[in-house]
């Protein structure tokens, strides 16, 4: 497993987004940082899966309609 290095990043949130992150953090009993990292990792996996589907569709044999 790749070693995770933690770095601080100054980020400004819009009020509705911060309220949502705080709600998730309370419900999951986790920190804001944990929630944000978790959501972004999920989104990265989601994008990679979508890209794989697009590539697979490109590689598939074309359907010939008559």
PDB file of N, CA and C in Angstrom:
ATOM      1  N   UNK A   1       0.847  -1.181   0.000  1.00  0.00           N
ATOM      2  CA  UNK A   1       0.000   0.000   0.000  1.00  0.00           C
ATOM      3  C   UNK A   1       0.889   1.239   0.000  1.00  0.00           C
ATOM      4  N   UNK A   2       0.476   2.218  -0.772  1.00  0.00           N
ATOM      5  CA  UNK A   2       1.229   3.458  -0.881  1.00  0.00           C
ATOM      6  C   UNK A   2       1.128   4.256   0.421  1.00  0.00           C
ATOM      7  N   UNK A   3       2.265   4.808   0.848  1.00  0.00           N
ATOM      8  CA  UNK A   3       2.285   5.616   2.063  1.00  0.00           C
ATOM      9  C   UNK A   3       1.541   6.922   1.810  1.00  0.00           C
ATOM     10  N   UNK A   4       0.678   7.262   2.728  1.00  0.00           N
ATOM     11  CA  UNK A   4      -0.095   8.488   2.604  1.00  0.00           C
ATOM     12  C   UNK A   4       0.611   9.593   3.375  1.00  0.00           C
ATOM     13  N   UNK A   5       0.859  10.690   2.683  1.00  0.00           N
ATOM     14  CA  UNK A   5       1.472  11.861   3.301  1.00  0.00           C
ATOM     15  C   UNK A   5       0.383  12.904   3.453  1.00  0.00           C
ATOM     16  N   UNK A   6       0.210  13.392   4.660  1.00  0.00           N
ATOM     17  CA  UNK A   6      -0.818  14.394   4.907  1.00  0.00           C
ATOM     18  C   UNK A   6      -0.241  15.790   4.723  1.00  0.00           C
ATOM     19  N   UNK A   7      -0.982  16.624   3.982  1.00  0.00           N
ATOM     20  CA  UNK A   7      -0.585  18.004   3.755  1.00  0.00           C
ATOM     21  C   UNK A   7      -1.787  18.891   3.990  1.00  0.00           C
ATOM     22  N   UNK A   8      -1.541  20.034   4.557  1.00  0.00           N
ATOM     23  CA  UNK A   8      -2.611  20.989   4.776  1.00  0.00           C
ATOM     24  C   UNK A   8      -2.819  21.812   3.511  1.00  0.00           C
ATOM     25  N   UNK A   9      -4.083  22.073   3.192  1.00  0.00           N
ATOM     26  CA  UNK A   9      -4.396  22.864   2.004  1.00  0.00           C
ATOM     27  C   UNK A   9      -5.485  23.869   2.380  1.00  0.00           C
ATOM     28  N   UNK A  10      -5.216  25.113   2.128  1.00  0.00           N
ATOM     29  CA  UNK A  10      -6.212  26.139   2.426  1.00  0.00           C
ATOM     30  C   UNK A  10      -7.317  26.096   1.390  1.00  0.00           C
ATOM     31  N   UNK A  11      -8.503  25.746   1.824  1.00  0.00           N
ATOM     32  CA  UNK A  11      -9.639  25.629   0.920  1.00  0.00           C
ATOM     33  C   UNK A  11     -10.809  26.392   1.526  1.00  0.00           C
ATOM     34  N   UNK A  12     -11.505  27.139   0.703  1.00  0.00           N
ATOM     35  CA  UNK A  12     -12.704  27.841   1.159  1.00  0.00           C
ATOM     36  C   UNK A  12     -13.915  27.104   0.631  1.00  0.00           C
ATOM     37  N   UNK A  13     -14.838  26.810   1.532  1.00  0.00           N
ATOM     38  CA  UNK A  13     -16.061  26.098   1.166  1.00  0.00           C
ATOM     39  C   UNK A  13     -17.232  27.056   1.105  1.00  0.00           C
ATOM     40  N   UNK A  14     -18.143  26.791   0.222  1.00  0.00           N
ATOM     41  CA  UNK A  14     -19.401  27.517   0.217  1.00  0.00           C
ATOM     42  C   UNK A  14     -20.233  26.982   1.380  1.00  0.00           C
ATOM     43  N   UNK A  15     -21.085  27.836   1.923  1.00  0.00           N
ATOM     44  CA  UNK A  15     -21.782  27.509   3.172  1.00  0.00           C
ATOM     45  C   UNK A  15     -22.602  26.224   3.082  1.00  0.00           C
ATOM     46  N   UNK A  16     -23.278  25.980   1.966  1.00  0.00           N
ATOM     47  CA  UNK A  16     -24.087  24.771   1.861  1.00  0.00           C
ATOM     48  C   UNK A  16     -23.229  23.516   1.807  1.00  0.00           C
ATOM     49  N   UNK A  17     -22.080  23.605   1.158  1.00  0.00           N
ATOM     50  CA  UNK A  17     -21.168  22.468   1.072  1.00  0.00           C
ATOM     51  C   UNK A  17     -20.585  22.163   2.451  1.00  0.00           C
ATOM     52  N   UNK A  18     -20.176  23.203   3.164  1.00  0.00           N
ATOM     53  CA  UNK A  18     -19.611  23.003   4.490  1.00  0.00           C
ATOM     54  C   UNK A  18     -20.650  22.418   5.445  1.00  0.00           C
ATOM     55  N   UNK A  19     -21.880  22.873   5.331  1.00  0.00           N
ATOM     56  CA  UNK A  19     -22.943  22.319   6.179  1.00  0.00           C
ATOM     57  C   UNK A  19     -23.125  20.829   5.897  1.00  0.00           C
ATOM     58  N   UNK A  20     -23.062  20.456   4.620  1.00  0.00           N
ATOM     59  CA  UNK A  20     -23.206  19.047   4.251  1.00  0.00           C
ATOM     60  C   UNK A  20     -22.038  18.215   4.780  1.00  0.00           C
ATOM     61  N   UNK A  21     -20.818  18.724   4.623  1.00  0.00           N
ATOM     62  CA  UNK A  21     -19.632  18.020   5.128  1.00  0.00           C
ATOM     63  C   UNK A  21     -19.726  17.864   6.640  1.00  0.00           C
ATOM     64  N   UNK A  22     -20.118  18.923   7.330  1.00  0.00           N
ATOM     65  CA  UNK A  22     -20.249  18.851   8.787  1.00  0.00           C
ATOM     66  C   UNK A  22     -21.327  17.856   9.203  1.00  0.00           C
ATOM     67  N   UNK A  23     -22.426  17.812   8.464  1.00  0.00           N
ATOM     68  CA  UNK A  23     -23.488  16.843   8.764  1.00  0.00           C
ATOM     69  C   UNK A  23     -22.973  15.415   8.610  1.00  0.00           C
ATOM     70  N   UNK A  24     -22.280  15.158   7.505  1.00  0.00           N
ATOM     71  CA  UNK A  24     -21.704  13.819   7.301  1.00  0.00           C
ATOM     72  C   UNK A  24     -20.706  13.476   8.397  1.00  0.00           C
ATOM     73  N   UNK A  25     -19.879  14.442   8.760  1.00  0.00           N
ATOM     74  CA  UNK A  25     -18.869  14.211   9.794  1.00  0.00           C
ATOM     75  C   UNK A  25     -19.536  13.843  11.127  1.00  0.00           C
ATOM     76  N   UNK A  26     -20.605  14.562  11.478  1.00  0.00           N
ATOM     77  CA  UNK A  26     -21.317  14.242  12.721  1.00  0.00           C
ATOM     78  C   UNK A  26     -21.940  12.852  12.654  1.00  0.00           C
ATOM     79  N   UNK A  27     -22.623  12.567  11.540  1.00  0.00           N
ATOM     80  CA  UNK A  27     -23.302  11.272  11.398  1.00  0.00           C
ATOM     81  C   UNK A  27     -22.316  10.111  11.434  1.00  0.00           C
ATOM     82  N   UNK A  28     -21.154  10.278  10.816  1.00  0.00           N
ATOM     83  CA  UNK A  28     -20.160   9.211  10.725  1.00  0.00           C
ATOM     84  C   UNK A  28     -19.169   9.245  11.888  1.00  0.00           C
ATOM     85  N   UNK A  29     -19.280  10.263  12.727  1.00  0.00           N
ATOM     86  CA  UNK A  29     -18.351  10.474  13.837  1.00  0.00           C
ATOM     87  C   UNK A  29     -16.905  10.483  13.330  1.00  0.00           C
ATOM     88  N   UNK A  30     -16.701  11.273  12.295  1.00  0.00           N
ATOM     89  CA  UNK A  30     -15.389  11.440  11.674  1.00  0.00           C
ATOM     90  C   UNK A  30     -15.080  12.918  11.547  1.00  0.00           C
ATOM     91  N   UNK A  31     -13.861  13.216  11.175  1.00  0.00           N
ATOM     92  CA  UNK A  31     -13.464  14.609  10.987  1.00  0.00           C
ATOM     93  C   UNK A  31     -13.863  15.091   9.591  1.00  0.00           C
ATOM     94  N   UNK A  32     -13.864  16.411   9.430  1.00  0.00           N
ATOM     95  CA  UNK A  32     -14.103  16.976   8.103  1.00  0.00           C
ATOM     96  C   UNK A  32     -13.084  16.436   7.108  1.00  0.00           C
ATOM     97  N   UNK A  33     -11.834  16.398   7.511  1.00  0.00           N
ATOM     98  CA  UNK A  33     -10.773  15.929   6.617  1.00  0.00           C
ATOM     99  C   UNK A  33     -11.044  14.508   6.140  1.00  0.00           C
ATOM    100  N   UNK A  34     -11.443  13.643   7.060  1.00  0.00           N
ATOM    101  CA  UNK A  34     -11.736  12.259   6.691  1.00  0.00           C
ATOM    102  C   UNK A  34     -12.848  12.218   5.647  1.00  0.00           C
ATOM    103  N   UNK A  35     -13.926  12.968   5.903  1.00  0.00           N
ATOM    104  CA  UNK A  35     -15.072  12.966   4.994  1.00  0.00           C
ATOM    105  C   UNK A  35     -14.664  13.467   3.614  1.00  0.00           C
ATOM    106  N   UNK A  36     -13.953  14.576   3.564  1.00  0.00           N
ATOM    107  CA  UNK A  36     -13.551  15.148   2.274  1.00  0.00           C
ATOM    108  C   UNK A  36     -12.638  14.193   1.524  1.00  0.00           C
ATOM    109  N   UNK A  37     -11.653  13.627   2.204  1.00  0.00           N
ATOM    110  CA  UNK A  37     -10.756  12.664   1.554  1.00  0.00           C
ATOM    111  C   UNK A  37     -11.528  11.448   1.045  1.00  0.00           C
ATOM    112  N   UNK A  38     -12.449  10.942   1.854  1.00  0.00           N
ATOM    113  CA  UNK A  38     -13.225   9.760   1.486  1.00  0.00           C
ATOM    114  C   UNK A  38     -14.089  10.047   0.252  1.00  0.00           C
ATOM    115  N   UNK A  39     -14.778  11.172   0.261  1.00  0.00           N
ATOM    116  CA  UNK A  39     -15.644  11.528  -0.865  1.00  0.00           C
ATOM    117  C   UNK A  39     -14.824  11.699  -2.145  1.00  0.00           C
ATOM    118  N   UNK A  40     -13.689  12.371  -2.051  1.00  0.00           N
ATOM    119  CA  UNK A  40     -12.866  12.585  -3.242  1.00  0.00           C
ATOM    120  C   UNK A  40     -12.243  11.291  -3.750  1.00  0.00           C
ATOM    121  N   UNK A  41     -11.867  10.391  -2.849  1.00  0.00           N
ATOM    122  CA  UNK A  41     -11.363   9.089  -3.302  1.00  0.00           C
ATOM    123  C   UNK A  41     -12.454   8.311  -4.025  1.00  0.00           C
ATOM    124  N   UNK A  42     -13.681   8.343  -3.459  1.00  0.00           N
ATOM    125  CA  UNK A  42     -14.802   7.668  -4.114  1.00  0.00           C
ATOM    126  C   UNK A  42     -15.027   8.258  -5.505  1.00  0.00           C
ATOM    127  N   UNK A  43     -15.006   9.577  -5.608  1.00  0.00           N
ATOM    128  CA  UNK A  43     -15.234  10.242  -6.887  1.00  0.00           C
ATOM    129  C   UNK A  43     -14.139   9.884  -7.893  1.00  0.00           C
ATOM    130  N   UNK A  44     -12.905   9.813  -7.437  1.00  0.00           N
ATOM    131  CA  UNK A  44     -11.802   9.426  -8.328  1.00  0.00           C
ATOM    132  C   UNK A  44     -12.015   8.009  -8.863  1.00  0.00           C
ATOM    133  N   UNK A  45     -12.428   7.079  -7.995  1.00  0.00           N
ATOM    134  CA  UNK A  45     -12.710   5.707  -8.446  1.00  0.00           C
ATOM    135  C   UNK A  45     -13.873   5.702  -9.440  1.00  0.00           C
ATOM    136  N   UNK A  46     -14.896   6.483  -9.143  1.00  0.00           N
ATOM    137  CA  UNK A  46     -16.055   6.576 -10.020  1.00  0.00           C
ATOM    138  C   UNK A  46     -15.652   7.065 -11.412  1.00  0.00           C
ATOM    139  N   UNK A  47     -14.849   8.116 -11.477  1.00  0.00           N
ATOM    140  CA  UNK A  47     -14.390   8.635 -12.757  1.00  0.00           C
ATOM    141  C   UNK A  47     -13.555   7.604 -13.510  1.00  0.00           C
ATOM    142  N   UNK A  48     -12.690   6.882 -12.798  1.00  0.00           N
ATOM    143  CA  UNK A  48     -11.860   5.858 -13.436  1.00  0.00           C
ATOM    144  C   UNK A  48     -12.738   4.746 -14.008  1.00  0.00           C
ATOM    145  N   UNK A  49     -13.774   4.341 -13.270  1.00  0.00           N
ATOM    146  CA  UNK A  49     -14.689   3.311 -13.763  1.00  0.00           C
ATOM    147  C   UNK A  49     -15.427   3.790 -15.009  1.00  0.00           C
ATOM    148  N   UNK A  50     -15.875   5.038 -15.002  1.00  0.00           N
ATOM    149  CA  UNK A  50     -16.566   5.583 -16.164  1.00  0.00           C
ATOM    150  C   UNK A  50     -15.641   5.627 -17.375  1.00  0.00           C
ATOM    151  N   UNK A  51     -14.386   6.001 -17.148  1.00  0.00           N
ATOM    152  CA  UNK A  51     -13.417   6.051 -18.239  1.00  0.00           C
ATOM    153  C   UNK A  51     -13.172   4.658 -18.805  1.00  0.00           C
ATOM    154  N   UNK A  52     -13.105   3.656 -17.932  1.00  0.00           N
ATOM    155  CA  UNK A  52     -12.928   2.278 -18.391  1.00  0.00           C
ATOM    156  C   UNK A  52     -14.103   1.839 -19.264  1.00  0.00           C
ATOM    157  N   UNK A  53     -15.320   2.244 -18.880  1.00  0.00           N
ATOM    158  CA  UNK A  53     -16.498   1.890 -19.675  1.00  0.00           C
ATOM    159  C   UNK A  53     -16.436   2.547 -21.052  1.00  0.00           C
ATOM    160  N   UNK A  54     -16.002   3.790 -21.086  1.00  0.00           N
ATOM    161  CA  UNK A  54     -15.883   4.501 -22.363  1.00  0.00           C
ATOM    162  C   UNK A  54     -14.843   3.813 -23.242  1.00  0.00           C
ATOM    163  N   UNK A  55     -13.697   3.470 -22.662  1.00  0.00           N
ATOM    164  CA  UNK A  55     -12.641   2.795 -23.425  1.00  0.00           C
ATOM    165  C   UNK A  55     -13.102   1.433 -23.916  1.00  0.00           C
ATOM    166  N   UNK A  56     -13.831   0.692 -23.070  1.00  0.00           N
ATOM    167  CA  UNK A  56     -14.327  -0.627 -23.471  1.00  0.00           C
ATOM    168  C   UNK A  56     -15.311  -0.493 -24.621  1.00  0.00           C
ATOM    169  N   UNK A  57     -16.136   0.525 -24.588  1.00  0.00           N
ATOM    170  CA  UNK A  57     -17.103   0.733 -25.671  1.00  0.00           C
ATOM    171  C   UNK A  57     -16.388   1.084 -26.967  1.00  0.00           C
ATOM    172  N   UNK A  58     -15.308   1.834 -26.883  1.00  0.00           N
ATOM    173  CA  UNK A  58     -14.541   2.186 -28.077  1.00  0.00           C
ATOM    174  C   UNK A  58     -13.883   0.941 -28.679  1.00  0.00           C
ATOM    175  N   UNK A  59     -13.428   0.041 -27.799  1.00  0.00           N
ATOM    176  CA  UNK A  59     -12.723  -1.164 -28.249  1.00  0.00           C
ATOM    177  C   UNK A  59     -13.656  -2.239 -28.766  1.00  0.00           C
ATOM    178  N   UNK A  60     -14.945  -2.154 -28.420  1.00  0.00           N
ATOM    179  CA  UNK A  60     -15.904  -3.174 -28.835  1.00  0.00           C
ATOM    180  C   UNK A  60     -16.092  -3.104 -30.351  1.00  0.00           C
ATOM    181  N   UNK A  61     -16.376  -4.238 -30.914  1.00  0.00           N
ATOM    182  CA  UNK A  61     -16.604  -4.297 -32.369  1.00  0.00           C
ATOM    183  C   UNK A  61     -17.844  -3.491 -32.700  1.00  0.00           C
ATOM    184  N   UNK A  62     -17.797  -2.732 -33.770  1.00  0.00           N
ATOM    185  CA  UNK A  62     -18.978  -1.933 -34.131  1.00  0.00           C
ATOM    186  C   UNK A  62     -20.135  -2.824 -34.545  1.00  0.00           C
ATOM    187  N   UNK A  63     -21.326  -2.379 -34.212  1.00  0.00           N
ATOM    188  CA  UNK A  63     -22.528  -3.119 -34.574  1.00  0.00           C
ATOM    189  C   UNK A  63     -22.977  -2.633 -35.943  1.00  0.00           C
ATOM    190  N   UNK A  64     -23.153  -3.573 -36.849  1.00  0.00           N
ATOM    191  CA  UNK A  64     -23.578  -3.226 -38.211  1.00  0.00           C
ATOM    192  C   UNK A  64     -25.084  -3.404 -38.286  1.00  0.00           C
ATOM    193  N   UNK A  65     -25.760  -2.330 -38.641  1.00  0.00           N
ATOM    194  CA  UNK A  65     -27.221  -2.406 -38.760  1.00  0.00           C
ATOM    195  C   UNK A  65     -27.600  -2.476 -40.227  1.00  0.00           C
ATOM    196  N   UNK A  66     -28.580  -3.299 -40.505  1.00  0.00           N
ATOM    197  CA  UNK A  66     -29.039  -3.451 -41.889  1.00  0.00           C
ATOM    198  C   UNK A  66     -30.462  -3.032 -42.012  1.00  0.00           C
TER     199      UNK A  66
END
